[in-house]
Amino acid sequence: MRNTLYTSFLLKLISRVTMKNYLCLLLLLLFNLTASAQSGTAAAFNQKEGEILKIGMVVLGGWALLNIIFGSFRLMKASRSKKFLHQMNIYFNIVNICIAGFALYFILTENAARTLAETVRMHYWYIKILYLSIGLDVSYMLLGAYLQEKSRNSPKTEQYLGWGQSLVLQGLFLFLLDLALTILLEKHTSDLMRLL
């Protein structure tokens, strides 16, 4: 009888210990799966965000390249204000192609396996840069409109008119591109909030 009580007690103790170990192991496994699922979703979020930005920079680079090539050919035959329009388009898009190239290099070489905190920080940094860029785009258009207005009463009428038209055109394109990228990233923010 005593032996049976002892054996019964031992079996209960073993079953409790193994049950406790089993529960600890199960909790540890669930924690690991949750952490890896979060990092997997953060990685998926980073990848999708990277794709959005890559497409935007390819569009910017393509626009810049087209403007440089087209403007170079047109500059040889253009006269009056059109000469200054194509000249400013070339100058403006040399800067655009450098920005697109640098941004693409940064996006492609950036580590997509960021922590969730780094993902949040980088996402909002991208959005801040885009809002700043939208402000610059509006200022380009306003400066272009100012130069066009100033061309009416200036001895440099053709130059101001051509440069003003170019700034309005380039500012409008950049405004639409940055606005589209901002809207896409802001919509993507809801995915980030689900991760948190």
N, C-alpha and C. Protein backbone atom coordinates (compact mmCIF):
# COMPACT_ATOMS: atom_id res chain seq x y z
N MET A 1 0.82 -1.19 0.00
CA MET A 1 0.00 0.00 0.00
C MET A 1 0.86 1.25 0.00
N ARG A 2 1.83 1.26 0.86
CA ARG A 2 2.73 2.38 0.94
C ARG A 2 3.49 2.55 -0.39
N ASN A 3 3.86 1.45 -0.96
CA ASN A 3 4.56 1.44 -2.22
C ASN A 3 3.68 2.00 -3.34
N THR A 4 2.46 1.65 -3.33
CA THR A 4 1.53 2.14 -4.32
C THR A 4 1.28 3.63 -4.15
N LEU A 5 1.18 4.09 -2.93
CA LEU A 5 1.01 5.53 -2.69
C LEU A 5 2.25 6.30 -3.17
N TYR A 6 3.39 5.74 -2.86
CA TYR A 6 4.64 6.38 -3.28
C TYR A 6 4.73 6.42 -4.81
N THR A 7 4.40 5.31 -5.46
CA THR A 7 4.44 5.23 -6.91
C THR A 7 3.42 6.19 -7.52
N SER A 8 2.25 6.23 -6.93
CA SER A 8 1.21 7.13 -7.41
C SER A 8 1.67 8.59 -7.26
N PHE A 9 2.25 8.91 -6.11
CA PHE A 9 2.75 10.26 -5.87
C PHE A 9 3.85 10.61 -6.87
N LEU A 10 4.74 9.65 -7.11
CA LEU A 10 5.85 9.85 -8.05
C LEU A 10 5.33 10.07 -9.47
N LEU A 11 4.36 9.28 -9.87
CA LEU A 11 3.77 9.44 -11.21
C LEU A 11 3.09 10.80 -11.36
N LYS A 12 2.38 11.20 -10.28
CA LYS A 12 1.73 12.51 -10.33
C LYS A 12 2.77 13.63 -10.42
N LEU A 13 3.83 13.49 -9.64
CA LEU A 13 4.90 14.48 -9.64
C LEU A 13 5.57 14.55 -11.01
N ILE A 14 5.85 13.39 -11.58
CA ILE A 14 6.48 13.34 -12.90
C ILE A 14 5.54 13.93 -13.95
N SER A 15 4.26 13.56 -13.84
CA SER A 15 3.31 14.09 -14.81
C SER A 15 3.18 15.60 -14.67
N ARG A 16 3.24 16.11 -13.44
CA ARG A 16 3.17 17.57 -13.24
C ARG A 16 4.43 18.25 -13.75
N VAL A 17 5.54 17.64 -13.48
CA VAL A 17 6.80 18.23 -13.93
C VAL A 17 6.86 18.22 -15.46
N THR A 18 6.52 17.11 -16.03
CA THR A 18 6.55 17.06 -17.49
C THR A 18 5.46 17.95 -18.08
N MET A 19 4.32 18.01 -17.41
CA MET A 19 3.26 18.90 -17.89
C MET A 19 3.73 20.35 -17.78
N LYS A 20 4.37 20.67 -16.66
CA LYS A 20 4.89 22.02 -16.48
C LYS A 20 5.98 22.31 -17.53
N ASN A 21 6.86 21.35 -17.74
CA ASN A 21 7.90 21.52 -18.77
C ASN A 21 7.27 21.63 -20.15
N TYR A 22 6.29 20.81 -20.36
CA TYR A 22 5.59 20.83 -21.65
C TYR A 22 4.95 22.20 -21.88
N LEU A 23 4.29 22.75 -20.85
CA LEU A 23 3.67 24.07 -20.96
C LEU A 23 4.73 25.15 -21.20
N CYS A 24 5.84 25.05 -20.47
CA CYS A 24 6.92 26.02 -20.68
C CYS A 24 7.46 25.92 -22.10
N LEU A 25 7.64 24.71 -22.56
CA LEU A 25 8.13 24.51 -23.91
C LEU A 25 7.13 25.04 -24.94
N LEU A 26 5.86 24.78 -24.69
CA LEU A 26 4.82 25.26 -25.58
C LEU A 26 4.77 26.80 -25.61
N LEU A 27 4.85 27.42 -24.42
CA LEU A 27 4.86 28.88 -24.35
C LEU A 27 6.09 29.47 -25.06
N LEU A 28 7.22 28.83 -24.85
CA LEU A 28 8.44 29.28 -25.51
C LEU A 28 8.31 29.17 -27.03
N LEU A 29 7.73 28.07 -27.48
CA LEU A 29 7.53 27.87 -28.91
C LEU A 29 6.57 28.91 -29.49
N LEU A 30 5.47 29.17 -28.77
CA LEU A 30 4.51 30.17 -29.23
C LEU A 30 5.15 31.56 -29.29
N PHE A 31 5.96 31.87 -28.28
CA PHE A 31 6.65 33.16 -28.27
C PHE A 31 7.60 33.27 -29.46
N ASN A 32 8.32 32.20 -29.75
CA ASN A 32 9.23 32.18 -30.90
C ASN A 32 8.48 32.35 -32.21
N LEU A 33 7.36 31.62 -32.33
CA LEU A 33 6.57 31.71 -33.56
C LEU A 33 6.00 33.12 -33.73
N THR A 34 5.54 33.70 -32.63
CA THR A 34 4.99 35.05 -32.70
C THR A 34 6.08 36.04 -33.09
N ALA A 35 7.25 35.91 -32.49
CA ALA A 35 8.36 36.82 -32.81
C ALA A 35 8.79 36.65 -34.26
N SER A 36 8.87 35.39 -34.71
CA SER A 36 9.28 35.20 -36.11
C SER A 36 8.19 35.63 -37.06
N ALA A 37 6.93 35.47 -36.66
CA ALA A 37 5.83 35.95 -37.52
C ALA A 37 5.86 37.47 -37.60
N GLN A 38 6.16 38.13 -36.47
CA GLN A 38 6.25 39.58 -36.49
C GLN A 38 7.40 40.03 -37.36
N SER A 39 8.56 39.38 -37.21
CA SER A 39 9.68 39.79 -38.04
C SER A 39 9.42 39.44 -39.50
N GLY A 40 8.71 38.33 -39.74
CA GLY A 40 8.34 37.97 -41.10
C GLY A 40 7.40 38.98 -41.71
N THR A 41 6.47 39.48 -40.90
CA THR A 41 5.56 40.48 -41.41
C THR A 41 6.27 41.82 -41.55
N ALA A 42 7.18 42.12 -40.64
CA ALA A 42 7.96 43.35 -40.77
C ALA A 42 8.82 43.28 -42.03
N ALA A 43 9.39 42.12 -42.29
CA ALA A 43 10.20 41.94 -43.50
C ALA A 43 9.33 42.09 -44.74
N ALA A 44 8.12 41.53 -44.69
CA ALA A 44 7.19 41.67 -45.83
C ALA A 44 6.79 43.13 -46.01
N PHE A 45 6.56 43.82 -44.90
CA PHE A 45 6.23 45.24 -44.95
C PHE A 45 7.38 46.03 -45.58
N ASN A 46 8.60 45.75 -45.12
CA ASN A 46 9.78 46.45 -45.65
C ASN A 46 9.96 46.18 -47.14
N GLN A 47 9.70 44.95 -47.54
CA GLN A 47 9.85 44.59 -48.95
C GLN A 47 8.82 45.34 -49.81
N LYS A 48 7.58 45.39 -49.34
CA LYS A 48 6.53 46.09 -50.10
C LYS A 48 6.83 47.59 -50.17
N GLU A 49 7.28 48.15 -49.06
CA GLU A 49 7.63 49.57 -49.04
C GLU A 49 8.80 49.85 -49.98
N GLY A 50 9.77 48.95 -49.97
CA GLY A 50 10.92 49.09 -50.87
C GLY A 50 10.49 49.05 -52.33
N GLU A 51 9.53 48.17 -52.65
CA GLU A 51 9.04 48.08 -54.03
C GLU A 51 8.34 49.37 -54.46
N ILE A 52 7.55 49.95 -53.56
CA ILE A 52 6.87 51.21 -53.87
C ILE A 52 7.90 52.30 -54.17
N LEU A 53 8.91 52.40 -53.31
CA LEU A 53 9.93 53.43 -53.49
C LEU A 53 10.79 53.18 -54.72
N LYS A 54 11.09 51.89 -55.00
CA LYS A 54 11.89 51.57 -56.19
C LYS A 54 11.15 52.01 -57.45
N ILE A 55 9.86 51.70 -57.52
CA ILE A 55 9.06 52.09 -58.69
C ILE A 55 9.06 53.61 -58.84
N GLY A 56 8.90 54.31 -57.73
CA GLY A 56 8.92 55.78 -57.78
C GLY A 56 10.24 56.32 -58.29
N MET A 57 11.35 55.73 -57.84
CA MET A 57 12.66 56.21 -58.27
C MET A 57 12.97 55.82 -59.72
N VAL A 58 12.45 54.69 -60.17
CA VAL A 58 12.61 54.31 -61.58
C VAL A 58 11.82 55.28 -62.47
N VAL A 59 10.62 55.64 -62.03
CA VAL A 59 9.82 56.61 -62.79
C VAL A 59 10.55 57.95 -62.83
N LEU A 60 11.08 58.39 -61.69
CA LEU A 60 11.82 59.66 -61.65
C LEU A 60 13.05 59.60 -62.56
N GLY A 61 13.80 58.51 -62.49
CA GLY A 61 14.98 58.36 -63.34
C GLY A 61 14.62 58.31 -64.81
N GLY A 62 13.54 57.62 -65.15
CA GLY A 62 13.09 57.56 -66.54
C GLY A 62 12.67 58.93 -67.06
N TRP A 63 11.91 59.65 -66.23
CA TRP A 63 11.50 61.01 -66.59
C TRP A 63 12.72 61.89 -66.82
N ALA A 64 13.69 61.79 -65.92
CA ALA A 64 14.89 62.61 -66.03
C ALA A 64 15.67 62.27 -67.30
N LEU A 65 15.82 60.99 -67.56
CA LEU A 65 16.56 60.56 -68.75
C LEU A 65 15.88 61.02 -70.03
N LEU A 66 14.56 60.87 -70.09
CA LEU A 66 13.81 61.33 -71.27
C LEU A 66 13.96 62.84 -71.46
N ASN A 67 13.88 63.59 -70.36
CA ASN A 67 14.02 65.04 -70.46
C ASN A 67 15.41 65.45 -70.92
N ILE A 68 16.43 64.75 -70.44
CA ILE A 68 17.80 65.08 -70.84
C ILE A 68 18.01 64.78 -72.32
N ILE A 69 17.57 63.60 -72.76
CA ILE A 69 17.75 63.22 -74.17
C ILE A 69 16.92 64.13 -75.08
N PHE A 70 15.63 64.25 -74.78
CA PHE A 70 14.74 65.07 -75.61
C PHE A 70 15.20 66.53 -75.60
N GLY A 71 15.53 67.03 -74.40
CA GLY A 71 15.96 68.43 -74.28
C GLY A 71 17.25 68.70 -75.03
N SER A 72 18.16 67.73 -75.04
CA SER A 72 19.43 67.91 -75.76
C SER A 72 19.19 68.04 -77.25
N PHE A 73 18.32 67.21 -77.81
CA PHE A 73 18.01 67.30 -79.24
C PHE A 73 17.26 68.59 -79.57
N ARG A 74 16.31 68.94 -78.72
CA ARG A 74 15.51 70.13 -78.98
C ARG A 74 16.32 71.41 -78.77
N LEU A 75 17.29 71.36 -77.88
CA LEU A 75 18.10 72.54 -77.59
C LEU A 75 18.90 72.98 -78.81
N MET A 76 19.32 72.02 -79.62
CA MET A 76 20.11 72.35 -80.81
C MET A 76 19.29 73.12 -81.85
N LYS A 77 17.98 72.90 -81.87
CA LYS A 77 17.13 73.53 -82.89
C LYS A 77 16.26 74.65 -82.33
N ALA A 78 16.20 74.76 -81.01
CA ALA A 78 15.28 75.71 -80.39
C ALA A 78 15.83 77.13 -80.44
N SER A 79 14.92 78.05 -80.38
CA SER A 79 15.30 79.46 -80.30
C SER A 79 14.38 80.15 -79.31
N ARG A 80 14.77 81.33 -78.96
CA ARG A 80 14.00 82.19 -78.05
C ARG A 80 13.73 81.50 -76.72
N SER A 81 12.51 81.54 -76.22
CA SER A 81 12.23 81.00 -74.88
C SER A 81 12.32 79.48 -74.84
N LYS A 82 12.08 78.82 -75.96
CA LYS A 82 12.16 77.35 -75.99
C LYS A 82 13.58 76.87 -75.71
N LYS A 83 14.56 77.64 -76.14
CA LYS A 83 15.96 77.31 -75.86
C LYS A 83 16.20 77.27 -74.35
N PHE A 84 15.69 78.25 -73.64
CA PHE A 84 15.87 78.32 -72.18
C PHE A 84 15.02 77.26 -71.46
N LEU A 85 13.87 76.95 -72.04
CA LEU A 85 13.02 75.88 -71.48
C LEU A 85 13.78 74.56 -71.50
N HIS A 86 14.34 74.19 -72.63
CA HIS A 86 15.06 72.92 -72.74
C HIS A 86 16.35 72.94 -71.94
N GLN A 87 16.98 74.09 -71.88
CA GLN A 87 18.20 74.22 -71.10
C GLN A 87 17.92 73.95 -69.61
N MET A 88 16.88 74.58 -69.09
CA MET A 88 16.53 74.38 -67.68
C MET A 88 16.06 72.94 -67.44
N ASN A 89 15.32 72.36 -68.38
CA ASN A 89 14.90 70.96 -68.24
C ASN A 89 16.11 70.04 -68.10
N ILE A 90 17.14 70.29 -68.91
CA ILE A 90 18.34 69.45 -68.83
C ILE A 90 19.01 69.61 -67.48
N TYR A 91 19.21 70.86 -67.04
CA TYR A 91 19.86 71.10 -65.74
C TYR A 91 19.06 70.48 -64.60
N PHE A 92 17.76 70.70 -64.64
CA PHE A 92 16.89 70.21 -63.57
C PHE A 92 16.93 68.69 -63.50
N ASN A 93 16.94 68.05 -64.65
CA ASN A 93 16.87 66.59 -64.67
C ASN A 93 18.21 65.91 -64.47
N ILE A 94 19.31 66.63 -64.61
CA ILE A 94 20.60 66.09 -64.18
C ILE A 94 20.55 65.89 -62.67
N VAL A 95 19.98 66.86 -61.96
CA VAL A 95 19.82 66.73 -60.50
C VAL A 95 18.84 65.59 -60.19
N ASN A 96 17.73 65.50 -60.93
CA ASN A 96 16.75 64.44 -60.70
C ASN A 96 17.34 63.05 -60.89
N ILE A 97 18.16 62.88 -61.92
CA ILE A 97 18.73 61.55 -62.18
C ILE A 97 19.74 61.18 -61.08
N CYS A 98 20.44 62.18 -60.56
CA CYS A 98 21.35 61.92 -59.43
C CYS A 98 20.57 61.52 -58.18
N ILE A 99 19.47 62.22 -57.92
CA ILE A 99 18.63 61.89 -56.77
C ILE A 99 18.05 60.49 -56.91
N ALA A 100 17.53 60.17 -58.10
CA ALA A 100 16.94 58.85 -58.34
C ALA A 100 18.00 57.76 -58.20
N GLY A 101 19.19 57.99 -58.73
CA GLY A 101 20.26 56.99 -58.62
C GLY A 101 20.69 56.77 -57.19
N PHE A 102 20.87 57.86 -56.44
CA PHE A 102 21.26 57.74 -55.03
C PHE A 102 20.18 57.03 -54.22
N ALA A 103 18.93 57.42 -54.44
CA ALA A 103 17.81 56.80 -53.70
C ALA A 103 17.68 55.32 -54.04
N LEU A 104 17.82 54.97 -55.31
CA LEU A 104 17.76 53.55 -55.69
C LEU A 104 18.89 52.76 -55.05
N TYR A 105 20.08 53.33 -55.06
CA TYR A 105 21.22 52.66 -54.42
C TYR A 105 20.94 52.45 -52.93
N PHE A 106 20.40 53.47 -52.26
CA PHE A 106 20.09 53.38 -50.83
C PHE A 106 19.03 52.31 -50.58
N ILE A 107 17.98 52.29 -51.39
CA ILE A 107 16.88 51.34 -51.21
C ILE A 107 17.36 49.91 -51.47
N LEU A 108 18.17 49.72 -52.51
CA LEU A 108 18.62 48.38 -52.87
C LEU A 108 19.66 47.82 -51.90
N THR A 109 20.48 48.69 -51.32
CA THR A 109 21.52 48.20 -50.40
C THR A 109 21.08 48.20 -48.95
N GLU A 110 19.94 48.81 -48.67
CA GLU A 110 19.46 48.87 -47.30
C GLU A 110 19.06 47.49 -46.82
N ASN A 111 19.31 47.23 -45.56
CA ASN A 111 18.97 45.93 -44.98
C ASN A 111 17.47 45.85 -44.75
N ALA A 112 16.81 44.94 -45.44
CA ALA A 112 15.36 44.79 -45.32
C ALA A 112 14.97 44.07 -44.03
N ALA A 113 15.93 43.41 -43.37
CA ALA A 113 15.66 42.68 -42.13
C ALA A 113 15.84 43.62 -40.94
N ARG A 114 15.01 44.66 -40.89
CA ARG A 114 15.07 45.61 -39.78
C ARG A 114 14.16 45.13 -38.66
N THR A 115 14.43 45.62 -37.47
CA THR A 115 13.54 45.34 -36.35
C THR A 115 12.26 46.15 -36.57
N LEU A 116 11.26 45.85 -35.77
CA LEU A 116 9.99 46.55 -35.91
C LEU A 116 10.16 48.04 -35.61
N ALA A 117 10.96 48.36 -34.61
CA ALA A 117 11.21 49.77 -34.26
C ALA A 117 11.91 50.49 -35.40
N GLU A 118 12.89 49.85 -36.01
CA GLU A 118 13.60 50.46 -37.15
C GLU A 118 12.66 50.62 -38.34
N THR A 119 11.78 49.65 -38.52
CA THR A 119 10.81 49.70 -39.62
C THR A 119 9.90 50.92 -39.46
N VAL A 120 9.40 51.12 -38.25
CA VAL A 120 8.52 52.27 -37.97
C VAL A 120 9.28 53.57 -38.21
N ARG A 121 10.51 53.64 -37.68
CA ARG A 121 11.32 54.86 -37.82
C ARG A 121 11.58 55.18 -39.29
N MET A 122 11.98 54.18 -40.07
CA MET A 122 12.29 54.40 -41.48
C MET A 122 11.03 54.75 -42.28
N HIS A 123 9.91 54.12 -41.97
CA HIS A 123 8.67 54.41 -42.68
C HIS A 123 8.28 55.88 -42.51
N TYR A 124 8.32 56.35 -41.28
CA TYR A 124 7.94 57.74 -41.04
C TYR A 124 9.00 58.71 -41.57
N TRP A 125 10.26 58.29 -41.63
CA TRP A 125 11.30 59.12 -42.23
C TRP A 125 11.03 59.29 -43.72
N TYR A 126 10.66 58.20 -44.41
CA TYR A 126 10.32 58.28 -45.84
C TYR A 126 9.14 59.23 -46.06
N ILE A 127 8.13 59.12 -45.21
CA ILE A 127 6.95 59.98 -45.36
C ILE A 127 7.32 61.45 -45.14
N LYS A 128 8.17 61.73 -44.13
CA LYS A 128 8.59 63.11 -43.89
C LYS A 128 9.36 63.66 -45.09
N ILE A 129 10.23 62.86 -45.66
CA ILE A 129 10.99 63.29 -46.84
C ILE A 129 10.04 63.61 -47.99
N LEU A 130 9.02 62.77 -48.17
CA LEU A 130 8.07 63.00 -49.27
C LEU A 130 7.25 64.27 -49.04
N TYR A 131 6.84 64.52 -47.79
CA TYR A 131 6.10 65.76 -47.52
C TYR A 131 6.99 66.98 -47.76
N LEU A 132 8.25 66.90 -47.36
CA LEU A 132 9.19 67.98 -47.62
C LEU A 132 9.35 68.18 -49.13
N SER A 133 9.43 67.09 -49.86
CA SER A 133 9.57 67.15 -51.31
C SER A 133 8.33 67.77 -51.97
N ILE A 134 7.16 67.45 -51.45
CA ILE A 134 5.93 68.06 -51.97
C ILE A 134 5.97 69.57 -51.78
N GLY A 135 6.45 70.01 -50.62
CA GLY A 135 6.59 71.45 -50.38
C GLY A 135 7.56 72.09 -51.36
N LEU A 136 8.67 71.41 -51.64
CA LEU A 136 9.63 71.92 -52.61
C LEU A 136 9.02 71.98 -54.01
N ASP A 137 8.23 70.96 -54.35
CA ASP A 137 7.59 70.93 -55.67
C ASP A 137 6.66 72.13 -55.85
N VAL A 138 5.90 72.44 -54.82
CA VAL A 138 5.00 73.59 -54.89
C VAL A 138 5.83 74.87 -55.03
N SER A 139 6.95 74.95 -54.32
CA SER A 139 7.79 76.14 -54.44
C SER A 139 8.40 76.26 -55.83
N TYR A 140 8.74 75.13 -56.48
CA TYR A 140 9.22 75.19 -57.86
C TYR A 140 8.16 75.77 -58.78
N MET A 141 6.93 75.31 -58.60
CA MET A 141 5.85 75.82 -59.46
C MET A 141 5.60 77.30 -59.21
N LEU A 142 5.65 77.71 -57.94
CA LEU A 142 5.44 79.14 -57.64
C LEU A 142 6.58 79.98 -58.19
N LEU A 143 7.82 79.49 -58.08
CA LEU A 143 8.96 80.22 -58.63
C LEU A 143 8.84 80.31 -60.15
N GLY A 144 8.40 79.22 -60.79
CA GLY A 144 8.19 79.24 -62.23
C GLY A 144 7.14 80.25 -62.64
N ALA A 145 6.04 80.30 -61.89
CA ALA A 145 4.99 81.27 -62.19
C ALA A 145 5.51 82.70 -61.97
N TYR A 146 6.31 82.88 -60.94
CA TYR A 146 6.90 84.20 -60.69
C TYR A 146 7.81 84.62 -61.84
N LEU A 147 8.67 83.68 -62.30
CA LEU A 147 9.57 84.01 -63.42
C LEU A 147 8.80 84.32 -64.69
N GLN A 148 7.72 83.61 -64.93
CA GLN A 148 6.90 83.90 -66.12
C GLN A 148 6.28 85.30 -66.01
N GLU A 149 5.83 85.63 -64.81
CA GLU A 149 5.25 86.96 -64.61
C GLU A 149 6.31 88.05 -64.74
N LYS A 150 7.50 87.77 -64.19
CA LYS A 150 8.59 88.75 -64.26
C LYS A 150 9.08 88.95 -65.69
N SER A 151 8.91 87.93 -66.53
CA SER A 151 9.39 88.03 -67.91
C SER A 151 8.67 89.13 -68.70
N ARG A 152 7.51 89.52 -68.25
CA ARG A 152 6.74 90.55 -68.96
C ARG A 152 7.42 91.92 -68.92
N ASN A 153 8.13 92.20 -67.82
CA ASN A 153 8.71 93.53 -67.63
C ASN A 153 10.23 93.47 -67.49
N SER A 154 10.86 92.51 -68.08
CA SER A 154 12.30 92.35 -67.90
C SER A 154 13.01 92.35 -69.25
N PRO A 155 14.26 92.82 -69.24
CA PRO A 155 15.03 92.72 -70.48
C PRO A 155 15.40 91.28 -70.82
N LYS A 156 15.30 90.39 -69.86
CA LYS A 156 15.58 88.96 -70.08
C LYS A 156 14.28 88.18 -70.26
N THR A 157 13.40 88.70 -71.03
CA THR A 157 12.07 88.14 -71.22
C THR A 157 12.11 86.67 -71.62
N GLU A 158 12.87 86.35 -72.67
CA GLU A 158 12.91 84.98 -73.18
C GLU A 158 13.47 84.01 -72.15
N GLN A 159 14.52 84.44 -71.48
CA GLN A 159 15.17 83.57 -70.48
C GLN A 159 14.23 83.29 -69.32
N TYR A 160 13.64 84.34 -68.76
CA TYR A 160 12.74 84.13 -67.62
C TYR A 160 11.50 83.32 -68.00
N LEU A 161 11.00 83.57 -69.20
CA LEU A 161 9.83 82.83 -69.66
C LEU A 161 10.15 81.35 -69.82
N GLY A 162 11.26 81.02 -70.47
CA GLY A 162 11.65 79.62 -70.65
C GLY A 162 11.95 78.91 -69.34
N TRP A 163 12.69 79.59 -68.48
CA TRP A 163 13.01 78.98 -67.18
C TRP A 163 11.73 78.80 -66.36
N GLY A 164 10.85 79.78 -66.42
CA GLY A 164 9.59 79.69 -65.66
C GLY A 164 8.73 78.53 -66.13
N GLN A 165 8.63 78.38 -67.46
CA GLN A 165 7.85 77.26 -68.00
C GLN A 165 8.45 75.92 -67.57
N SER A 166 9.76 75.83 -67.60
CA SER A 166 10.43 74.59 -67.20
C SER A 166 10.18 74.28 -65.73
N LEU A 167 10.31 75.29 -64.87
CA LEU A 167 10.10 75.05 -63.44
C LEU A 167 8.67 74.62 -63.13
N VAL A 168 7.71 75.22 -63.83
CA VAL A 168 6.31 74.82 -63.63
C VAL A 168 6.12 73.37 -64.08
N LEU A 169 6.65 73.02 -65.25
CA LEU A 169 6.51 71.66 -65.78
C LEU A 169 7.18 70.63 -64.86
N GLN A 170 8.41 70.90 -64.48
CA GLN A 170 9.14 69.95 -63.63
C GLN A 170 8.52 69.87 -62.24
N GLY A 171 8.12 71.01 -61.70
CA GLY A 171 7.48 71.03 -60.38
C GLY A 171 6.17 70.26 -60.37
N LEU A 172 5.39 70.41 -61.46
CA LEU A 172 4.12 69.70 -61.56
C LEU A 172 4.33 68.20 -61.62
N PHE A 173 5.29 67.75 -62.45
CA PHE A 173 5.56 66.32 -62.53
C PHE A 173 6.01 65.77 -61.18
N LEU A 174 6.97 66.46 -60.55
CA LEU A 174 7.47 66.00 -59.25
C LEU A 174 6.38 66.02 -58.18
N PHE A 175 5.51 67.03 -58.24
CA PHE A 175 4.40 67.10 -57.29
C PHE A 175 3.49 65.88 -57.43
N LEU A 176 3.14 65.54 -58.67
CA LEU A 176 2.26 64.38 -58.89
C LEU A 176 2.94 63.08 -58.46
N LEU A 177 4.23 62.94 -58.77
CA LEU A 177 4.97 61.73 -58.38
C LEU A 177 5.07 61.62 -56.86
N ASP A 178 5.46 62.70 -56.21
CA ASP A 178 5.60 62.66 -54.75
C ASP A 178 4.26 62.48 -54.05
N LEU A 179 3.22 63.08 -54.61
CA LEU A 179 1.88 62.91 -54.04
C LEU A 179 1.44 61.45 -54.15
N ALA A 180 1.68 60.83 -55.30
CA ALA A 180 1.32 59.41 -55.49
C ALA A 180 2.10 58.53 -54.52
N LEU A 181 3.40 58.77 -54.38
CA LEU A 181 4.21 57.97 -53.45
C LEU A 181 3.76 58.17 -52.01
N THR A 182 3.43 59.41 -51.65
CA THR A 182 2.96 59.68 -50.29
C THR A 182 1.65 58.97 -50.01
N ILE A 183 0.72 59.02 -50.95
CA ILE A 183 -0.57 58.34 -50.77
C ILE A 183 -0.36 56.84 -50.61
N LEU A 184 0.50 56.26 -51.45
CA LEU A 184 0.77 54.82 -51.35
C LEU A 184 1.40 54.46 -50.01
N LEU A 185 2.36 55.26 -49.55
CA LEU A 185 3.00 54.96 -48.26
C LEU A 185 2.05 55.21 -47.09
N GLU A 186 1.20 56.24 -47.19
CA GLU A 186 0.22 56.48 -46.12
C GLU A 186 -0.79 55.34 -46.04
N LYS A 187 -1.21 54.80 -47.19
CA LYS A 187 -2.10 53.63 -47.17
C LYS A 187 -1.39 52.44 -46.57
N HIS A 188 -0.10 52.35 -46.84
CA HIS A 188 0.72 51.25 -46.33
C HIS A 188 0.92 51.36 -44.82
N THR A 189 0.69 52.53 -44.25
CA THR A 189 0.85 52.75 -42.80
C THR A 189 -0.13 51.88 -42.02
N SER A 190 -1.32 51.63 -42.56
CA SER A 190 -2.30 50.79 -41.86
C SER A 190 -1.75 49.37 -41.66
N ASP A 191 -0.96 48.87 -42.62
CA ASP A 191 -0.33 47.56 -42.45
C ASP A 191 0.66 47.61 -41.31
N LEU A 192 1.37 48.73 -41.18
CA LEU A 192 2.35 48.87 -40.10
C LEU A 192 1.64 48.93 -38.75
N MET A 193 0.50 49.59 -38.69
CA MET A 193 -0.24 49.68 -37.42
C MET A 193 -0.73 48.31 -36.97
N ARG A 194 -1.05 47.44 -37.93
CA ARG A 194 -1.46 46.08 -37.57
C ARG A 194 -0.31 45.29 -36.95
N LEU A 195 0.92 45.59 -37.38
CA LEU A 195 2.08 44.92 -36.81
C LEU A 195 2.31 45.31 -35.35
N LEU A 196 1.96 46.57 -35.05
CA LEU A 196 2.17 47.05 -33.68
C LEU A 196 1.07 46.52 -32.78
